[in-house]
N, C-alpha and C. Protein backbone atom coordinates (compact mmCIF):
# COMPACT_ATOMS: atom_id res chain seq x y z
N MET A 1 39.58 115.80 79.93
CA MET A 1 38.28 115.75 80.35
C MET A 1 38.25 116.61 81.68
N ALA A 2 36.96 117.18 81.92
CA ALA A 2 36.81 117.97 83.02
C ALA A 2 35.56 117.56 83.76
N ILE A 3 35.51 117.76 85.03
CA ILE A 3 34.36 117.44 85.85
C ILE A 3 34.07 118.73 86.58
N ASP A 4 32.86 119.22 86.40
CA ASP A 4 32.43 120.47 87.08
C ASP A 4 31.91 120.13 88.43
N ALA A 5 31.50 121.29 89.16
CA ALA A 5 31.12 121.25 90.55
C ALA A 5 29.77 120.37 90.65
N ASN A 6 29.05 120.18 89.56
CA ASN A 6 27.74 119.40 89.50
C ASN A 6 28.12 117.85 89.17
N GLY A 7 29.38 117.54 88.82
CA GLY A 7 29.67 116.32 88.57
C GLY A 7 29.47 115.88 87.00
N VAL A 8 29.21 116.97 86.23
CA VAL A 8 28.92 116.61 84.78
C VAL A 8 30.45 116.61 84.09
N VAL A 9 30.57 115.66 83.37
CA VAL A 9 31.92 115.38 82.56
C VAL A 9 31.85 115.91 81.27
N THR A 10 32.85 116.67 80.85
CA THR A 10 32.99 117.06 79.51
C THR A 10 34.32 116.93 79.01
N GLY A 11 34.62 116.88 77.66
CA GLY A 11 35.88 116.75 77.21
C GLY A 11 35.83 116.36 75.68
N ALA A 12 37.07 116.02 75.08
CA ALA A 12 36.96 115.92 73.64
C ALA A 12 37.69 114.47 73.40
N ILE A 13 37.55 113.81 72.32
CA ILE A 13 38.00 112.61 71.96
C ILE A 13 38.93 112.90 70.84
N THR A 14 40.15 112.48 70.76
CA THR A 14 41.22 112.63 69.79
C THR A 14 41.83 111.24 69.55
N ASN A 15 42.52 111.32 68.41
CA ASN A 15 43.08 109.95 67.94
C ASN A 15 44.55 110.39 67.34
N SER A 16 45.44 109.44 67.12
CA SER A 16 46.75 109.70 66.65
C SER A 16 46.95 109.50 65.28
N THR A 17 45.85 109.03 64.51
CA THR A 17 46.04 108.59 63.18
C THR A 17 45.67 109.85 62.22
N GLY A 18 45.17 110.90 62.66
CA GLY A 18 44.83 112.07 61.87
C GLY A 18 43.47 112.01 61.27
N THR A 19 42.66 110.83 61.54
CA THR A 19 41.33 110.82 61.04
C THR A 19 40.40 111.61 61.99
N ASP A 20 39.48 112.41 61.23
CA ASP A 20 38.67 113.18 61.92
C ASP A 20 37.74 112.39 62.87
N VAL A 21 37.52 112.96 64.01
CA VAL A 21 36.65 112.31 65.14
C VAL A 21 35.56 113.33 65.57
N THR A 22 34.30 112.86 65.43
CA THR A 22 33.18 113.96 65.71
C THR A 22 32.48 113.18 66.80
N VAL A 23 32.30 113.97 68.00
CA VAL A 23 31.63 113.45 69.02
C VAL A 23 30.16 113.79 68.80
N THR A 24 29.26 112.73 68.88
CA THR A 24 27.89 112.82 68.54
C THR A 24 26.99 112.76 69.75
N GLN A 25 27.62 112.40 70.90
CA GLN A 25 26.85 112.37 72.18
C GLN A 25 27.71 112.05 73.38
N ASN A 26 27.56 112.88 74.33
CA ASN A 26 28.40 112.68 75.65
C ASN A 26 27.44 112.91 76.71
N ALA A 27 27.26 111.88 77.61
CA ALA A 27 26.43 112.07 78.83
C ALA A 27 27.04 111.38 79.90
N MET A 28 27.94 111.99 80.60
CA MET A 28 28.70 111.31 81.66
C MET A 28 28.56 112.14 82.91
N GLN A 29 28.54 111.38 84.03
CA GLN A 29 28.10 112.08 85.40
C GLN A 29 28.96 111.27 86.44
N VAL A 30 29.56 112.10 87.46
CA VAL A 30 30.27 111.64 88.57
C VAL A 30 29.28 112.01 89.88
N ASP A 31 29.01 111.08 90.63
CA ASP A 31 28.26 111.46 91.76
C ASP A 31 29.11 111.80 92.88
N ALA A 32 28.63 112.02 94.12
CA ALA A 32 29.25 112.51 95.20
C ALA A 32 30.22 111.55 95.89
N ASN A 33 30.04 110.36 95.52
CA ASN A 33 31.02 109.12 95.88
C ASN A 33 32.15 108.87 94.98
N GLY A 34 32.29 109.61 93.78
CA GLY A 34 33.14 109.40 92.92
C GLY A 34 32.89 108.45 91.82
N ASN A 35 31.63 107.89 91.74
CA ASN A 35 31.28 106.83 90.88
C ASN A 35 30.87 107.55 89.57
N MET A 36 31.52 107.13 88.33
CA MET A 36 31.35 107.74 87.18
C MET A 36 30.52 106.79 86.36
N THR A 37 29.48 107.26 85.63
CA THR A 37 28.64 106.53 84.70
C THR A 37 28.31 107.31 83.56
N GLY A 38 27.99 106.68 82.36
CA GLY A 38 27.66 107.40 81.27
C GLY A 38 27.67 106.66 79.97
N SER A 39 27.32 107.42 78.79
CA SER A 39 27.50 106.97 77.66
C SER A 39 27.96 108.04 76.57
N SER A 40 28.56 107.63 75.51
CA SER A 40 29.17 108.54 74.65
C SER A 40 29.04 107.89 73.29
N GLY A 41 29.00 108.68 72.26
CA GLY A 41 29.03 108.35 70.86
C GLY A 41 29.96 109.25 69.99
N PHE A 42 30.60 108.63 69.00
CA PHE A 42 31.43 109.41 68.09
C PHE A 42 31.67 108.62 66.77
N THR A 43 31.92 109.49 65.79
CA THR A 43 32.25 108.80 64.48
C THR A 43 33.66 109.06 64.11
N VAL A 44 34.37 108.15 63.44
CA VAL A 44 35.61 108.22 63.05
C VAL A 44 35.55 107.81 61.65
N GLY A 45 35.84 108.79 60.71
CA GLY A 45 35.44 108.69 59.22
C GLY A 45 34.09 108.42 59.13
N SER A 46 33.69 107.30 58.50
CA SER A 46 32.16 106.97 58.35
C SER A 46 31.70 105.95 59.33
N THR A 47 32.49 105.48 60.32
CA THR A 47 32.19 104.34 61.25
C THR A 47 31.69 105.20 62.59
N ALA A 48 30.55 104.75 63.05
CA ALA A 48 29.99 105.22 64.25
C ALA A 48 30.25 104.32 65.37
N PHE A 49 30.42 104.74 66.62
CA PHE A 49 30.91 104.15 67.83
C PHE A 49 30.05 104.59 68.95
N THR A 50 29.55 103.75 69.67
CA THR A 50 28.80 104.10 71.05
C THR A 50 29.45 103.37 72.10
N PHE A 51 29.50 103.95 73.31
CA PHE A 51 30.07 103.30 74.33
C PHE A 51 29.25 103.72 75.67
N THR A 52 29.40 102.68 76.57
CA THR A 52 28.91 102.99 78.07
C THR A 52 30.21 102.94 78.78
N TRP A 53 30.29 103.76 79.87
CA TRP A 53 31.37 103.89 80.76
C TRP A 53 30.91 103.79 82.28
N GLN A 54 31.84 103.12 82.92
CA GLN A 54 31.61 102.88 84.49
C GLN A 54 32.81 103.07 85.08
N GLY A 55 33.10 103.91 86.09
CA GLY A 55 34.37 104.05 86.76
C GLY A 55 34.44 104.66 88.15
N LYS A 56 35.56 104.76 88.73
CA LYS A 56 35.71 105.54 89.87
C LYS A 56 36.73 106.59 89.85
N VAL A 57 36.32 107.90 90.43
CA VAL A 57 37.32 108.89 90.39
C VAL A 57 37.62 109.10 91.84
N THR A 58 38.96 109.18 91.96
CA THR A 58 39.64 109.47 93.38
C THR A 58 40.44 110.67 93.53
N VAL A 59 40.18 111.42 94.34
CA VAL A 59 40.89 112.69 94.70
C VAL A 59 41.73 112.57 95.84
N THR A 60 43.02 112.84 95.92
CA THR A 60 43.87 112.93 97.14
C THR A 60 44.63 114.21 97.00
N GLY A 61 44.35 115.18 97.92
CA GLY A 61 45.00 116.51 97.69
C GLY A 61 44.42 117.29 96.43
N ASN A 62 45.33 117.51 95.65
CA ASN A 62 44.92 118.15 94.19
C ASN A 62 45.09 117.10 93.21
N ALA A 63 45.58 116.00 93.51
CA ALA A 63 45.71 114.82 92.52
C ALA A 63 44.48 113.99 92.34
N MET A 64 44.14 113.87 90.95
CA MET A 64 42.81 113.18 90.62
C MET A 64 43.35 111.80 89.78
N SER A 65 42.67 110.69 89.99
CA SER A 65 42.79 109.68 89.29
C SER A 65 41.51 108.98 88.87
N ILE A 66 41.39 108.35 87.89
CA ILE A 66 40.12 107.79 87.28
C ILE A 66 40.51 106.44 86.80
N GLN A 67 39.63 105.41 86.96
CA GLN A 67 39.83 104.05 86.35
C GLN A 67 38.38 103.43 86.23
N GLY A 68 38.21 102.52 85.19
CA GLY A 68 37.05 101.94 85.09
C GLY A 68 37.01 101.01 83.79
N THR A 69 35.83 100.77 83.35
CA THR A 69 35.66 99.91 82.22
C THR A 69 34.78 100.55 81.23
N TRP A 70 34.76 100.22 79.91
CA TRP A 70 34.04 100.67 78.87
C TRP A 70 33.45 99.55 78.17
N THR A 71 32.31 99.67 77.55
CA THR A 71 31.60 98.65 76.75
C THR A 71 31.14 99.28 75.46
N GLY A 72 31.46 98.78 74.30
CA GLY A 72 30.82 99.16 72.98
C GLY A 72 30.45 98.01 72.08
N GLN A 73 29.95 98.51 71.00
CA GLN A 73 29.46 97.45 69.94
C GLN A 73 30.62 96.51 69.44
N TYR A 74 31.87 97.06 69.47
CA TYR A 74 32.96 96.21 69.07
C TYR A 74 33.90 95.67 70.11
N GLY A 75 33.37 95.74 71.44
CA GLY A 75 34.12 95.14 72.35
C GLY A 75 34.07 95.89 73.65
N SER A 76 35.10 95.58 74.43
CA SER A 76 35.11 96.32 75.86
C SER A 76 36.49 96.34 76.34
N GLY A 77 36.75 97.23 77.44
CA GLY A 77 38.11 97.29 77.88
C GLY A 77 38.21 98.04 79.19
N VAL A 78 39.30 98.57 79.52
CA VAL A 78 39.60 99.24 80.67
C VAL A 78 40.21 100.70 80.33
N PHE A 79 39.90 101.53 81.16
CA PHE A 79 40.51 103.02 81.03
C PHE A 79 41.22 103.38 82.30
N SER A 80 42.06 104.37 82.25
CA SER A 80 42.47 105.20 83.50
C SER A 80 43.14 106.22 82.99
N GLY A 81 43.36 107.17 84.03
CA GLY A 81 43.89 108.50 83.72
C GLY A 81 44.16 109.14 85.04
N THR A 82 45.05 110.18 84.87
CA THR A 82 45.32 111.12 86.05
C THR A 82 45.28 112.41 85.73
N GLY A 83 45.30 113.37 86.69
CA GLY A 83 45.07 114.86 86.47
C GLY A 83 45.14 115.60 87.78
N THR A 84 44.86 116.78 87.72
CA THR A 84 44.89 117.70 88.87
C THR A 84 43.59 118.39 89.12
N THR A 85 43.19 118.71 90.29
CA THR A 85 42.04 119.47 90.48
C THR A 85 42.37 121.12 90.50
N SER A 86 41.31 121.79 90.26
CA SER A 86 41.52 123.32 90.48
C SER A 86 40.25 123.66 91.25
N ASN A 87 40.35 124.97 91.68
CA ASN A 87 39.36 125.63 92.45
C ASN A 87 38.38 126.23 91.64
């Protein structure tokens, strides 16, 4: 995933099973306080999934971390990740 200077989140969804994943919708945003909100949709095979996302992005030096929750029609859970910033 990438977050641009305007807080727009972009990225791809992949899986480890070899099944094709098609992103059908991605509308995620990070505000000036690091709060991330949005929704996304994708299909795996012939099954459609939609999710809402809520989380927090924290930057310390050039290290970035993100954590939050997701909710979809088949359940909910937590997510987290780390990365680095670039200029």
